[in-house]
Protein backbone atom coordinates (compact mmCIF):
# COMPACT_ATOMS: atom_id res chain seq x y z
CA MET A 1 -48.63 105.56 161.88
CA ALA A 2 -46.62 104.44 159.01
CA ARG A 3 -44.76 101.06 160.57
CA TRP A 4 -47.04 98.80 159.21
CA ILE A 5 -45.26 99.81 155.85
CA ALA A 6 -42.01 98.61 157.04
CA GLY A 7 -42.76 95.46 157.72
CA ALA A 8 -45.47 95.16 154.25
CA VAL A 9 -42.19 95.84 152.14
CA LYS A 10 -39.77 92.79 152.51
CA HIS A 11 -38.22 93.41 149.21
CA PRO A 12 -38.00 97.07 147.97
CA GLY A 13 -37.55 97.76 144.45
CA ILE A 14 -38.66 94.89 142.99
CA GLU A 15 -41.52 95.77 140.82
CA LYS A 16 -39.02 97.98 139.30
CA ARG A 17 -36.20 95.67 138.35
CA LYS A 18 -39.16 93.08 137.38
CA ALA A 19 -40.58 96.03 135.13
CA LYS A 20 -37.16 97.07 133.66
CA ARG A 21 -36.32 93.64 132.45
CA ASN A 22 -39.04 92.69 130.93
CA GLY A 23 -39.16 96.47 129.22
CA ILE A 24 -42.40 98.03 130.42
CA SER A 25 -43.27 100.56 133.00
CA THR A 26 -43.35 99.89 136.67
CA HIS A 27 -47.06 100.89 136.46
CA ALA A 28 -47.60 98.23 133.71
CA GLN A 29 -45.45 95.71 135.85
CA LEU A 30 -47.51 96.37 139.46
CA GLU A 31 -51.13 95.55 136.89
CA ARG A 32 -49.82 92.39 135.68
CA ASP A 33 -48.85 91.25 138.75
CA ALA A 34 -52.05 92.28 140.64
CA LYS A 35 -53.92 89.63 138.42
CA SER A 36 -51.78 87.47 139.00
CA SER A 37 -52.57 83.44 139.70
CA ASP A 38 -49.90 83.60 142.81
CA PRO A 39 -50.93 85.56 145.90
CA HIS A 40 -47.42 86.58 146.77
CA VAL A 41 -46.74 87.77 143.49
CA ARG A 42 -50.63 89.25 143.44
CA GLY A 43 -50.49 91.27 146.97
CA ARG A 44 -46.14 92.52 146.22
CA GLY A 45 -48.91 94.28 142.89
CA VAL A 46 -52.06 95.14 144.62
CA LEU A 47 -49.92 97.10 147.81
CA GLY A 48 -47.54 99.03 145.39
CA LEU A 49 -50.52 99.90 142.93
CA ARG A 50 -52.03 101.71 146.04
CA PHE A 51 -48.75 103.00 146.92
CA GLU A 52 -48.70 104.85 143.84
CA ARG A 53 -51.98 105.98 143.97
CA GLY A 54 -51.49 107.12 147.89
CA LEU A 55 -52.54 106.14 151.18
CA GLY A 56 -55.33 108.70 152.26
CA HIS A 57 -57.13 108.95 148.74
CA ARG A 58 -59.54 106.16 150.00
CA ARG A 59 -60.59 108.44 153.06
CA THR A 60 -64.29 110.21 152.60
CA ILE A 61 -65.44 113.08 153.76
CA ALA A 62 -68.26 111.27 155.73
CA HIS A 63 -65.36 109.59 157.06
CA GLY A 64 -63.46 111.47 159.12
CA SER A 65 -60.67 113.51 156.57
CA LYS A 66 -59.12 116.59 156.10
């Protein structure tokens, strides 16, 4: 089920390193990158925010969650 995550994360820890270098929180860095005009940076930001939120939170009762 979670095999796609290994392929989606090409550079683990890159957002945390960028945040530390910029002197901001990791969440703030992810939000900044999610609004980037560069599609690669934007994709990393959006995926990171999704990981923070948790992958299962998008389901609703109507769609067959727990």
